[in-house]
Amino acid sequence: MRFMTRSLMGLFLLSVTLGLLTYAGSLIYDAVEVRMNREPFMPRGREREFAVNVVEARAETIAPVLTVFGEVQSRRTLDIRAAASGQVVELAPEFVEGGQVREGQFLLRIDPAQAEAARDRAQADLADAEAEVRDANRAIGIARDTLAAAEDQAQLRVRALERQNTLMERGVGSAAAQEDAELAVSSARQAVLSARNALASAEARIDSADTALSRARIASQEAERDLADTVLRAGFDGTLSGVTLVQGRLVSANEALAELIDPAALEVSFRVSTPQYARLLDEDGRLRGLPVEVALEVFGTTLSAEGAITRDSAAVAEGQTGRLLLADLQEARGLKPGDFVTVRVQETPIPDLIRLPATALSAAETVLVIGEDNRLEELEAPLIRRQGDDVLVRAAALEGRDVVAQRTPLLGAGILVRAMRAPGAETGGAGAEVTPEAQMISLTPERRAELVEMVRANDRMPEEIRSRVLSQLENPEVPAQMIERIENRRGG
């Protein structure tokens, strides 16, 4: 009896299971058939309307800014070199890397022993030369006196000869006395010649002594300079750089010991292209002294200075292009020679320019403007200058028109758009961006229902994303970008 009851219970459960499986298969079959027979959702045809950021074009006089890169350098840089060789016996405390020195300040001293010995020898030679000059002066005085005495004696001998000749004419003289007088005159004349020769020798000696004295003085002055060269002093106020010297080191003549830089005479050198250089010239072809601004920007810290262009390079170096310009800097606090800086040159103001975002201009130098019925029109906008993320164009037809700030491949002439302008954005300014609040738009009930149907019909959309989108569509205002994404993904 118990076996029969259990058998009947098993048959009952088996029949119930088969019935449930049959019912489930029927439901699945009906669902698939309904799904297959249902007509696909076809949304109503509607022209797409794109939301675009716009800026108002306004012509004005703008001074373009030429932005290049340059290097700071000093107009006064002096290499400190050893004028003499020897050991450094004394060193100033300021003679270190970055040391501040004043004009004429003592820097270092080289061992002066050899220079002092050479000076002493030169001074002794100078004393000998001066003594020789004094002896030559005394000798020439004696030679002159000797010549005068010889000339006097010769005159006496001539008068004695004249008396003997007179006596001979009277017949009271003798021939022997006359001959003796003639010999005496001849001897006196010979003595005069000898005295003149001695005077000439004395004069030559004094000339030689003067020459030797000049040479000794020159040698003494050179020795004094060599001794003075053992001491180095600062040529002007500045800062020392590249110092590697320590006390006690041996240095050779003309060896570079340091570099003296004047931090108050800074300038910046920068290279521009030839077309940019041509824009900086005046009507006479001379370089304008335009103002410049120099900035060193490092990790959020900015060191800046102002100046003016003063000159350009005389020639173009081999392998270089463009022109090298130099501008003096005033009050360049914090800047050092060697800094790589950004240089902004303020050019001459140009009238009737329109500033637009660079993304608004195409490669063909055209822009899109909003015309009648909110449809786009394409107008020419010749490019005059590029200013960072902006462009300067000149086009009279753009005056007062709304220009599309960011062009995309989807935009073109005839496209229906909706203008978006940032609240409080200045008209005519470039780079105005639409905030998320400005991109929220209101939908009509019919349009909202159409979008909801599109989302529900998209089977490939994940359930989490579908729920989030549907919740956003229930709000009074909907982001315009979300509507564009729904339309782009229409049909899965």
Protein backbone atom coordinates (compact mmCIF):
# COMPACT_ATOMS: atom_id res chain seq x y z
CA MET A 1 0.00 0.00 0.00
CA ARG A 2 2.80 2.41 0.90
CA PHE A 3 4.60 1.60 -2.38
CA MET A 4 1.48 2.40 -4.41
CA THR A 5 1.05 5.77 -2.69
CA ARG A 6 4.64 6.83 -3.43
CA SER A 7 4.31 5.76 -7.08
CA LEU A 8 1.18 7.83 -7.57
CA MET A 9 2.89 10.85 -5.92
CA GLY A 10 5.86 10.55 -8.28
CA LEU A 11 3.61 10.39 -11.34
CA PHE A 12 1.76 13.48 -10.11
CA LEU A 13 4.96 15.52 -9.67
CA LEU A 14 6.24 14.39 -13.08
CA SER A 15 3.04 15.52 -14.78
CA VAL A 16 3.15 18.88 -13.01
CA THR A 17 6.79 19.40 -14.10
CA LEU A 18 6.02 18.56 -17.71
CA GLY A 19 3.06 20.95 -17.61
CA LEU A 20 5.17 23.80 -16.29
CA LEU A 21 7.87 23.21 -18.93
CA THR A 22 5.22 23.19 -21.64
CA TYR A 23 3.76 26.46 -20.33
CA ALA A 24 7.19 28.11 -20.18
CA GLY A 25 8.01 27.05 -23.73
CA SER A 26 4.68 28.47 -24.88
CA LEU A 27 5.44 31.81 -23.23
CA ILE A 28 8.89 31.99 -24.83
CA TYR A 29 7.42 31.09 -28.21
CA ASP A 30 4.74 33.78 -27.94
CA ALA A 31 7.32 36.42 -26.85
CA VAL A 32 9.65 35.62 -29.73
CA GLU A 33 6.75 35.67 -32.19
CA VAL A 34 5.56 39.04 -30.88
CA ARG A 35 9.08 40.43 -31.05
CA MET A 36 9.56 39.18 -34.60
CA ASN A 37 6.19 40.46 -35.78
CA ARG A 38 6.52 43.90 -34.15
CA GLU A 39 7.28 46.71 -36.60
CA PRO A 40 10.57 48.57 -35.93
CA PHE A 41 10.31 52.02 -34.41
CA MET A 42 10.79 54.69 -36.99
CA PRO A 43 11.20 58.15 -35.45
CA ARG A 44 9.76 61.08 -37.23
CA GLY A 45 12.16 62.79 -39.63
CA ARG A 46 13.58 65.96 -38.04
CA GLU A 47 16.44 68.27 -39.04
CA ARG A 48 19.28 68.24 -36.60
CA GLU A 49 20.09 71.43 -34.80
CA PHE A 50 23.66 71.88 -33.50
CA ALA A 51 24.57 73.94 -30.46
CA VAL A 52 27.61 76.11 -31.23
CA ASN A 53 29.69 78.56 -29.22
CA VAL A 54 29.78 82.02 -30.79
CA VAL A 55 31.69 85.24 -30.29
CA GLU A 56 30.81 88.63 -31.65
CA ALA A 57 33.30 90.01 -34.17
CA ARG A 58 34.29 93.59 -33.48
CA ALA A 59 37.02 95.52 -35.31
CA GLU A 60 39.46 97.50 -33.19
CA THR A 61 43.01 98.80 -33.15
CA ILE A 62 45.23 96.07 -31.74
CA ALA A 63 48.97 96.07 -31.05
CA PRO A 64 50.13 92.56 -32.01
CA VAL A 65 52.53 90.82 -29.65
CA LEU A 66 55.43 88.86 -31.17
CA THR A 67 56.34 85.97 -28.85
CA VAL A 68 59.77 84.34 -29.20
CA PHE A 69 62.38 82.78 -26.94
CA GLY A 70 65.71 84.34 -26.01
CA GLU A 71 68.66 84.22 -23.64
CA VAL A 72 69.64 86.74 -21.00
CA GLN A 73 73.24 87.96 -21.13
CA SER A 74 75.34 90.78 -19.70
CA ARG A 75 76.68 93.64 -21.79
CA ARG A 76 79.78 93.85 -19.55
CA THR A 77 81.60 90.58 -18.97
CA LEU A 78 85.31 90.49 -18.06
CA ASP A 79 87.60 87.47 -17.97
CA ILE A 80 89.89 87.71 -14.93
CA ARG A 81 93.26 86.31 -16.02
CA ALA A 82 96.62 86.08 -14.28
CA ALA A 83 98.98 88.70 -15.71
CA ALA A 84 101.96 87.01 -14.03
CA SER A 85 102.90 83.48 -13.14
CA GLY A 86 103.57 82.22 -9.63
CA GLN A 87 101.93 81.06 -6.46
CA VAL A 88 98.80 82.72 -5.07
CA VAL A 89 99.81 83.97 -1.64
CA GLU A 90 96.73 86.02 -0.76
CA LEU A 91 93.07 85.71 -1.73
CA ALA A 92 90.16 88.04 -0.96
CA PRO A 93 87.22 86.51 0.96
CA GLU A 94 84.86 87.67 -1.84
CA PHE A 95 86.83 85.75 -4.47
CA VAL A 96 84.32 82.87 -4.56
CA GLU A 97 81.53 81.74 -6.86
CA GLY A 98 78.86 84.41 -6.78
CA GLY A 99 80.99 86.84 -4.79
CA GLN A 100 79.96 90.50 -4.98
CA VAL A 101 82.89 92.87 -5.57
CA ARG A 102 83.26 96.61 -6.02
CA GLU A 103 85.31 98.52 -8.58
CA GLY A 104 89.00 98.55 -7.62
CA GLN A 105 88.55 96.00 -4.84
CA PHE A 106 91.52 93.70 -4.08
CA LEU A 107 90.96 90.16 -5.38
CA LEU A 108 94.21 88.20 -5.11
CA ARG A 109 98.01 88.51 -4.89
CA ILE A 110 100.62 86.38 -6.66
CA ASP A 111 104.03 85.83 -5.02
CA PRO A 112 105.88 89.12 -5.82
CA ALA A 113 109.45 87.93 -5.00
CA GLN A 114 110.61 87.58 -8.60
CA ALA A 115 108.89 90.78 -9.66
CA GLU A 116 110.48 92.71 -6.77
CA ALA A 117 113.96 91.36 -7.65
CA ALA A 118 113.47 92.38 -11.26
CA ARG A 119 112.35 95.83 -10.14
CA ASP A 120 115.42 96.25 -7.93
CA ARG A 121 117.73 95.28 -10.81
CA ALA A 122 115.97 97.72 -13.10
CA GLN A 123 116.33 100.49 -10.53
CA ALA A 124 120.10 99.77 -10.19
CA ASP A 125 120.50 99.90 -13.95
CA LEU A 126 118.60 103.18 -13.94
CA ALA A 127 121.00 104.61 -11.34
CA ASP A 128 124.00 103.57 -13.46
CA ALA A 129 122.47 105.22 -16.51
CA GLU A 130 121.84 108.43 -14.58
CA ALA A 131 125.48 108.44 -13.37
CA GLU A 132 126.70 107.95 -16.93
CA VAL A 133 124.64 110.92 -18.05
CA ARG A 134 126.18 113.09 -15.35
CA ASP A 135 129.72 112.00 -16.36
CA ALA A 136 128.93 112.70 -20.01
CA ASN A 137 127.67 116.17 -19.13
CA ARG A 138 130.88 116.92 -17.20
CA ALA A 139 133.02 115.55 -20.05
CA ILE A 140 131.34 117.72 -22.64
CA GLY A 141 131.92 120.78 -20.49
CA ILE A 142 135.65 120.00 -20.28
CA ALA A 143 135.81 119.37 -24.03
CA ARG A 144 134.26 122.72 -24.73
CA ASP A 145 136.73 124.51 -22.45
CA THR A 146 139.65 122.67 -24.08
CA LEU A 147 138.43 123.72 -27.52
CA ALA A 148 138.11 127.34 -26.43
CA ALA A 149 141.67 127.32 -25.02
CA ALA A 150 143.05 125.75 -28.20
CA GLU A 151 141.32 128.37 -30.33
CA ASP A 152 142.75 131.19 -28.17
CA GLN A 153 146.24 129.75 -28.45
CA ALA A 154 145.87 129.42 -32.20
CA GLN A 155 144.89 133.08 -32.46
CA LEU A 156 148.01 134.04 -30.46
CA ARG A 157 150.21 132.00 -32.77
CA VAL A 158 148.64 133.65 -35.81
CA ARG A 159 149.36 137.15 -34.43
CA ALA A 160 152.99 136.12 -33.68
CA LEU A 161 153.38 134.94 -37.27
CA GLU A 162 151.97 138.23 -38.50
CA ARG A 163 154.62 140.17 -36.44
CA GLN A 164 157.43 138.04 -37.87
CA ASN A 165 156.17 138.69 -41.35
CA THR A 166 156.12 142.44 -40.67
CA LEU A 167 159.69 142.30 -39.35
CA MET A 168 160.81 140.41 -42.43
CA GLU A 169 159.30 143.08 -44.61
CA ARG A 170 161.29 145.74 -42.73
CA GLY A 171 164.48 143.65 -43.06
CA VAL A 172 165.04 143.29 -39.35
CA GLY A 173 163.65 139.77 -38.90
CA SER A 174 165.17 136.41 -39.49
CA ALA A 175 163.89 133.56 -41.63
CA ALA A 176 164.35 131.07 -38.81
CA ALA A 177 162.05 133.06 -36.50
CA GLN A 178 159.47 133.30 -39.27
CA GLU A 179 159.57 129.54 -39.84
CA ASP A 180 159.23 128.86 -36.11
CA ALA A 181 156.15 131.12 -36.02
CA GLU A 182 154.59 129.27 -38.94
CA LEU A 183 155.23 125.90 -37.25
CA ALA A 184 153.68 127.22 -34.05
CA VAL A 185 150.51 128.31 -35.98
CA SER A 186 150.26 124.89 -37.59
CA SER A 187 150.59 123.16 -34.22
CA ALA A 188 147.91 125.44 -32.74
CA ARG A 189 145.51 124.63 -35.53
CA GLN A 190 146.15 120.90 -35.00
CA ALA A 191 145.36 121.34 -31.31
CA VAL A 192 142.04 123.03 -32.25
CA LEU A 193 141.12 120.08 -34.46
CA SER A 194 141.95 117.65 -31.65
CA ALA A 195 139.79 119.65 -29.23
CA ARG A 196 136.88 119.66 -31.67
CA ASN A 197 137.22 115.90 -32.07
CA ALA A 198 137.13 115.48 -28.30
CA LEU A 199 134.00 117.70 -28.12
CA ALA A 200 132.29 115.57 -30.78
CA SER A 201 133.12 112.43 -28.82
CA ALA A 202 131.73 113.98 -25.65
CA GLU A 203 128.52 114.96 -27.47
CA ALA A 204 128.17 111.40 -28.84
CA ARG A 205 128.77 110.06 -25.34
CA ILE A 206 126.01 112.20 -23.87
CA ASP A 207 123.59 111.06 -26.60
CA SER A 208 124.46 107.45 -25.84
CA ALA A 209 124.04 108.11 -22.13
CA ASP A 210 120.60 109.67 -22.72
CA THR A 211 119.55 106.64 -24.77
CA ALA A 212 120.78 104.27 -22.07
CA LEU A 213 118.91 106.31 -19.46
CA SER A 214 115.66 106.08 -21.47
CA ARG A 215 116.07 102.32 -21.77
CA ALA A 216 116.73 102.00 -18.07
CA ARG A 217 113.66 104.06 -17.26
CA ILE A 218 111.52 101.87 -19.57
CA ALA A 219 112.93 98.73 -17.96
CA SER A 220 112.19 100.18 -14.52
CA GLN A 221 108.61 101.02 -15.52
CA GLU A 222 108.10 97.52 -16.91
CA ALA A 223 109.40 96.06 -13.70
CA GLU A 224 107.00 98.24 -11.73
CA ARG A 225 104.09 97.08 -13.95
CA ASP A 226 105.14 93.45 -13.54
CA LEU A 227 105.15 93.96 -9.81
CA ALA A 228 101.74 95.66 -9.95
CA ASP A 229 100.42 92.74 -12.07
CA THR A 230 100.95 90.43 -9.13
CA VAL A 231 97.89 92.09 -7.57
CA LEU A 232 94.50 91.72 -9.30
CA ARG A 233 91.64 94.14 -8.67
CA ALA A 234 88.05 94.32 -9.87
CA GLY A 235 87.53 96.40 -12.99
CA PHE A 236 83.92 97.31 -12.14
CA ASP A 237 81.09 96.42 -9.77
CA GLY A 238 79.89 92.91 -10.46
CA THR A 239 79.54 89.26 -9.54
CA LEU A 240 82.24 86.60 -9.86
CA SER A 241 81.49 83.43 -11.79
CA GLY A 242 83.46 80.31 -12.68
CA VAL A 243 85.86 80.62 -9.73
CA THR A 244 88.09 77.55 -9.25
CA LEU A 245 91.09 79.18 -7.54
CA VAL A 246 92.31 78.50 -4.01
CA GLN A 247 95.16 80.06 -2.03
CA GLY A 248 98.52 78.43 -2.63
CA ARG A 249 97.83 77.30 -6.16
CA LEU A 250 100.38 77.91 -8.91
CA VAL A 251 99.02 79.90 -11.84
CA SER A 252 100.53 80.63 -15.22
CA ALA A 253 100.47 83.87 -17.16
CA ASN A 254 97.17 84.60 -18.95
CA GLU A 255 95.40 81.75 -17.16
CA ALA A 256 91.64 82.31 -16.73
CA LEU A 257 90.82 82.49 -13.03
CA ALA A 258 87.21 83.72 -13.00
CA GLU A 259 84.66 85.81 -14.87
CA LEU A 260 83.35 89.15 -13.68
CA ILE A 261 79.75 89.86 -14.72
CA ASP A 262 77.90 93.14 -14.32
CA PRO A 263 74.36 92.15 -13.16
CA ALA A 264 73.07 95.68 -13.68
CA ALA A 265 73.81 95.68 -17.44
CA LEU A 266 71.60 92.83 -18.62
CA GLU A 267 70.20 92.39 -22.10
CA VAL A 268 68.30 89.67 -23.91
CA SER A 269 69.21 88.26 -27.31
CA PHE A 270 66.53 86.56 -29.38
CA ARG A 271 66.19 85.40 -32.96
CA VAL A 272 63.25 86.22 -35.24
CA SER A 273 62.43 85.14 -38.76
CA THR A 274 63.04 87.45 -41.69
CA PRO A 275 59.30 88.27 -42.18
CA GLN A 276 59.01 89.07 -38.47
CA TYR A 277 62.13 91.24 -38.68
CA ALA A 278 60.65 93.14 -41.64
CA ARG A 279 57.60 94.03 -39.52
CA LEU A 280 59.88 95.63 -36.90
CA LEU A 281 61.44 98.11 -39.34
CA ASP A 282 60.28 101.69 -39.90
CA GLU A 283 59.77 103.46 -43.22
CA ASP A 284 63.49 104.21 -43.50
CA GLY A 285 64.49 100.59 -42.91
CA ARG A 286 65.81 101.20 -39.40
CA LEU A 287 64.99 98.93 -36.48
CA ARG A 288 62.33 100.38 -34.19
CA GLY A 289 63.05 100.61 -30.48
CA LEU A 290 59.89 98.67 -29.61
CA PRO A 291 59.19 97.74 -25.98
CA VAL A 292 59.74 94.14 -24.92
CA GLU A 293 58.69 92.08 -21.93
CA VAL A 294 60.85 89.22 -20.69
CA ALA A 295 59.43 86.46 -18.48
CA LEU A 296 61.02 83.43 -16.84
CA GLU A 297 58.26 81.01 -15.84
CA VAL A 298 59.31 78.04 -13.70
CA PHE A 299 56.92 75.89 -11.63
CA GLY A 300 54.37 78.65 -11.19
CA THR A 301 56.95 81.33 -10.38
CA THR A 302 57.43 84.17 -12.84
CA LEU A 303 60.37 86.57 -13.01
CA SER A 304 59.76 89.39 -15.44
CA ALA A 305 61.45 92.54 -16.69
CA GLU A 306 60.82 95.20 -19.27
CA GLY A 307 63.11 96.75 -21.84
CA ALA A 308 63.42 97.99 -25.40
CA ILE A 309 65.07 96.78 -28.59
CA THR A 310 68.39 98.56 -29.12
CA ARG A 311 70.17 96.84 -32.01
CA ASP A 312 70.47 93.79 -34.21
CA SER A 313 73.35 91.62 -35.36
CA ALA A 314 75.65 93.01 -38.04
CA ALA A 315 75.68 89.78 -40.06
CA VAL A 316 73.96 86.41 -40.24
CA ALA A 317 76.11 83.63 -38.83
CA GLU A 318 76.88 80.62 -40.97
CA GLY A 319 74.16 78.01 -40.72
CA GLN A 320 71.70 80.47 -39.10
CA THR A 321 68.52 82.03 -40.44
CA GLY A 322 66.53 85.12 -39.57
CA ARG A 323 67.93 87.97 -37.52
CA LEU A 324 69.42 88.20 -34.04
CA LEU A 325 68.02 91.12 -32.02
CA LEU A 326 69.19 92.51 -28.68
CA ALA A 327 67.16 94.48 -26.15
CA ASP A 328 68.36 96.23 -23.01
CA LEU A 329 66.57 95.33 -19.76
CA GLN A 330 65.73 97.67 -16.90
CA GLU A 331 65.41 96.46 -13.31
CA ALA A 332 65.74 92.80 -14.21
CA ARG A 333 65.39 91.56 -10.65
CA GLY A 334 66.10 87.86 -10.23
CA LEU A 335 67.23 87.26 -13.81
CA LYS A 336 70.73 85.94 -14.44
CA PRO A 337 72.89 85.65 -17.56
CA GLY A 338 72.13 82.36 -19.26
CA ASP A 339 68.40 82.28 -18.39
CA PHE A 340 66.21 80.98 -21.23
CA VAL A 341 63.22 83.32 -21.24
CA THR A 342 60.08 84.14 -23.16
CA VAL A 343 60.30 87.47 -25.01
CA ARG A 344 57.16 89.38 -26.00
CA VAL A 345 57.68 92.27 -28.42
CA GLN A 346 54.94 94.91 -28.57
CA GLU A 347 54.53 95.72 -32.26
CA THR A 348 53.09 98.87 -33.78
CA PRO A 349 49.26 99.04 -33.38
CA ILE A 350 47.30 97.95 -36.46
CA PRO A 351 43.76 99.30 -37.06
CA ASP A 352 40.63 97.36 -38.09
CA LEU A 353 41.66 93.99 -36.66
CA ILE A 354 39.25 91.36 -35.29
CA ARG A 355 40.38 88.97 -32.58
CA LEU A 356 38.93 85.45 -32.85
CA PRO A 357 39.77 82.05 -31.38
CA ALA A 358 42.23 80.11 -33.52
CA THR A 359 39.69 77.25 -33.69
CA ALA A 360 37.29 79.54 -35.56
CA LEU A 361 39.56 79.95 -38.60
CA SER A 362 39.90 77.22 -41.22
CA ALA A 363 42.99 76.38 -43.24
CA ALA A 364 41.44 78.27 -46.17
CA GLU A 365 41.17 81.40 -43.94
CA THR A 366 37.38 81.30 -43.69
CA VAL A 367 35.02 81.47 -40.73
CA LEU A 368 31.41 80.40 -40.11
CA VAL A 369 28.91 83.06 -39.07
CA ILE A 370 25.24 82.77 -38.10
CA GLY A 371 22.98 84.16 -40.80
CA GLU A 372 19.23 84.28 -41.32
CA ASP A 373 17.06 81.54 -39.76
CA ASN A 374 20.04 80.52 -37.58
CA ARG A 375 21.85 78.92 -40.52
CA LEU A 376 25.59 79.08 -41.02
CA GLU A 377 27.32 81.14 -43.66
CA GLU A 378 30.99 80.93 -44.65
CA LEU A 379 32.92 84.19 -45.04
CA GLU A 380 36.53 84.94 -45.89
CA ALA A 381 38.76 86.19 -43.05
CA PRO A 382 42.37 86.89 -44.17
CA LEU A 383 44.82 86.08 -41.40
CA ILE A 384 47.02 88.98 -40.23
CA ARG A 385 48.68 87.63 -37.07
CA ARG A 386 48.58 84.65 -34.73
CA GLN A 387 48.49 85.48 -31.03
CA GLY A 388 48.80 82.28 -29.00
CA ASP A 389 45.36 80.62 -29.03
CA ASP A 390 43.85 83.58 -30.91
CA VAL A 391 44.11 84.94 -34.45
CA LEU A 392 43.87 88.49 -35.75
CA VAL A 393 41.93 88.80 -39.01
CA ARG A 394 40.75 91.70 -41.13
CA ALA A 395 37.33 91.43 -42.81
CA ALA A 396 34.81 94.25 -42.98
CA ALA A 397 31.98 91.77 -43.58
CA LEU A 398 32.46 90.25 -40.12
CA GLU A 399 31.79 93.45 -38.20
CA GLY A 400 29.07 92.76 -35.61
CA ARG A 401 28.43 89.17 -36.77
CA ASP A 402 28.31 86.12 -34.53
CA VAL A 403 31.23 83.85 -35.43
CA VAL A 404 31.38 80.15 -34.55
CA ALA A 405 34.20 79.83 -32.01
CA GLN A 406 34.95 76.11 -32.54
CA ARG A 407 34.62 74.61 -36.00
CA THR A 408 33.96 70.88 -36.37
CA PRO A 409 33.66 68.62 -39.45
CA LEU A 410 29.88 68.49 -38.84
CA LEU A 411 29.50 72.24 -39.36
CA GLY A 412 29.25 73.93 -42.73
CA ALA A 413 27.33 76.47 -44.74
CA GLY A 414 23.54 76.01 -44.46
CA ILE A 415 23.61 73.97 -41.21
CA LEU A 416 20.92 74.87 -38.66
CA VAL A 417 22.52 75.88 -35.36
CA ARG A 418 21.63 77.25 -31.96
CA ALA A 419 23.93 80.02 -30.71
CA MET A 420 25.43 79.56 -27.26
CA ARG A 421 27.08 82.50 -25.55
CA ALA A 422 28.74 82.43 -22.16
CA PRO A 423 26.92 84.64 -19.63
CA GLY A 424 28.83 87.86 -19.06
CA ALA A 425 31.23 87.18 -21.96
CA GLU A 426 32.58 90.35 -23.55
CA THR A 427 31.55 90.89 -27.12
CA GLY A 428 34.35 90.76 -29.58
CA GLY A 429 36.53 88.72 -27.22
CA ALA A 430 38.18 85.52 -28.26
CA GLY A 431 38.11 82.19 -26.58
CA ALA A 432 34.63 82.50 -24.96
CA GLU A 433 33.49 79.06 -23.87
CA VAL A 434 29.97 77.82 -23.17
CA THR A 435 29.49 76.75 -19.58
CA PRO A 436 27.56 73.56 -18.72
CA GLU A 437 24.66 75.73 -17.48
CA ALA A 438 24.48 77.49 -20.87
CA GLN A 439 24.25 74.13 -22.63
CA MET A 440 21.01 73.15 -20.85
CA ILE A 441 17.95 73.44 -23.11
CA SER A 442 14.20 73.00 -22.59
CA LEU A 443 12.24 70.31 -24.48
CA THR A 444 8.64 70.20 -25.60
CA PRO A 445 6.57 67.25 -24.31
CA GLU A 446 6.47 65.74 -27.81
CA ARG A 447 10.24 65.99 -28.23
CA ARG A 448 10.80 64.54 -24.74
CA ALA A 449 8.53 61.58 -25.49
CA GLU A 450 10.34 60.96 -28.77
CA LEU A 451 13.72 60.87 -27.03
CA VAL A 452 12.38 58.55 -24.30
CA GLU A 453 11.12 56.15 -26.97
CA MET A 454 14.52 56.25 -28.70
CA VAL A 455 16.30 55.29 -25.46
CA ARG A 456 13.88 52.46 -24.64
CA ALA A 457 14.13 51.07 -28.18
CA ASN A 458 17.94 50.89 -27.99
CA ASP A 459 18.50 47.28 -26.87
CA ARG A 460 22.30 47.63 -26.93
CA MET A 461 22.31 50.33 -24.26
CA PRO A 462 23.21 48.97 -20.79
CA GLU A 463 20.36 49.07 -18.30
CA GLU A 464 22.28 51.27 -15.86
CA ILE A 465 23.00 53.88 -18.52
CA ARG A 466 19.41 53.69 -19.81
CA SER A 467 18.04 54.37 -16.34
CA ARG A 468 20.39 57.33 -15.86
CA VAL A 469 19.48 58.87 -19.24
CA LEU A 470 15.76 58.42 -18.64
CA SER A 471 16.06 60.10 -15.26
CA GLN A 472 17.83 63.07 -16.87
CA LEU A 473 15.15 63.30 -19.57
CA GLU A 474 12.51 63.70 -16.88
CA ASN A 475 14.10 67.00 -15.74
CA PRO A 476 12.70 70.29 -17.12
CA GLU A 477 16.07 71.14 -18.73
CA VAL A 478 18.28 68.64 -20.54
CA PRO A 479 21.97 68.97 -21.60
CA ALA A 480 22.23 69.61 -25.33
CA GLN A 481 25.28 67.32 -25.64
CA MET A 482 23.27 64.38 -24.28
CA ILE A 483 20.55 64.92 -26.90
CA GLU A 484 23.19 64.91 -29.65
CA ARG A 485 24.62 61.63 -28.34
CA ILE A 486 21.13 60.03 -28.31
CA GLU A 487 20.52 61.10 -31.90
CA ASN A 488 23.92 59.87 -33.02
CA ARG A 489 23.24 56.43 -31.52
CA ARG A 490 19.75 56.18 -33.04
CA GLY A 491 18.96 52.65 -34.09
CA GLY A 492 21.56 51.00 -31.83
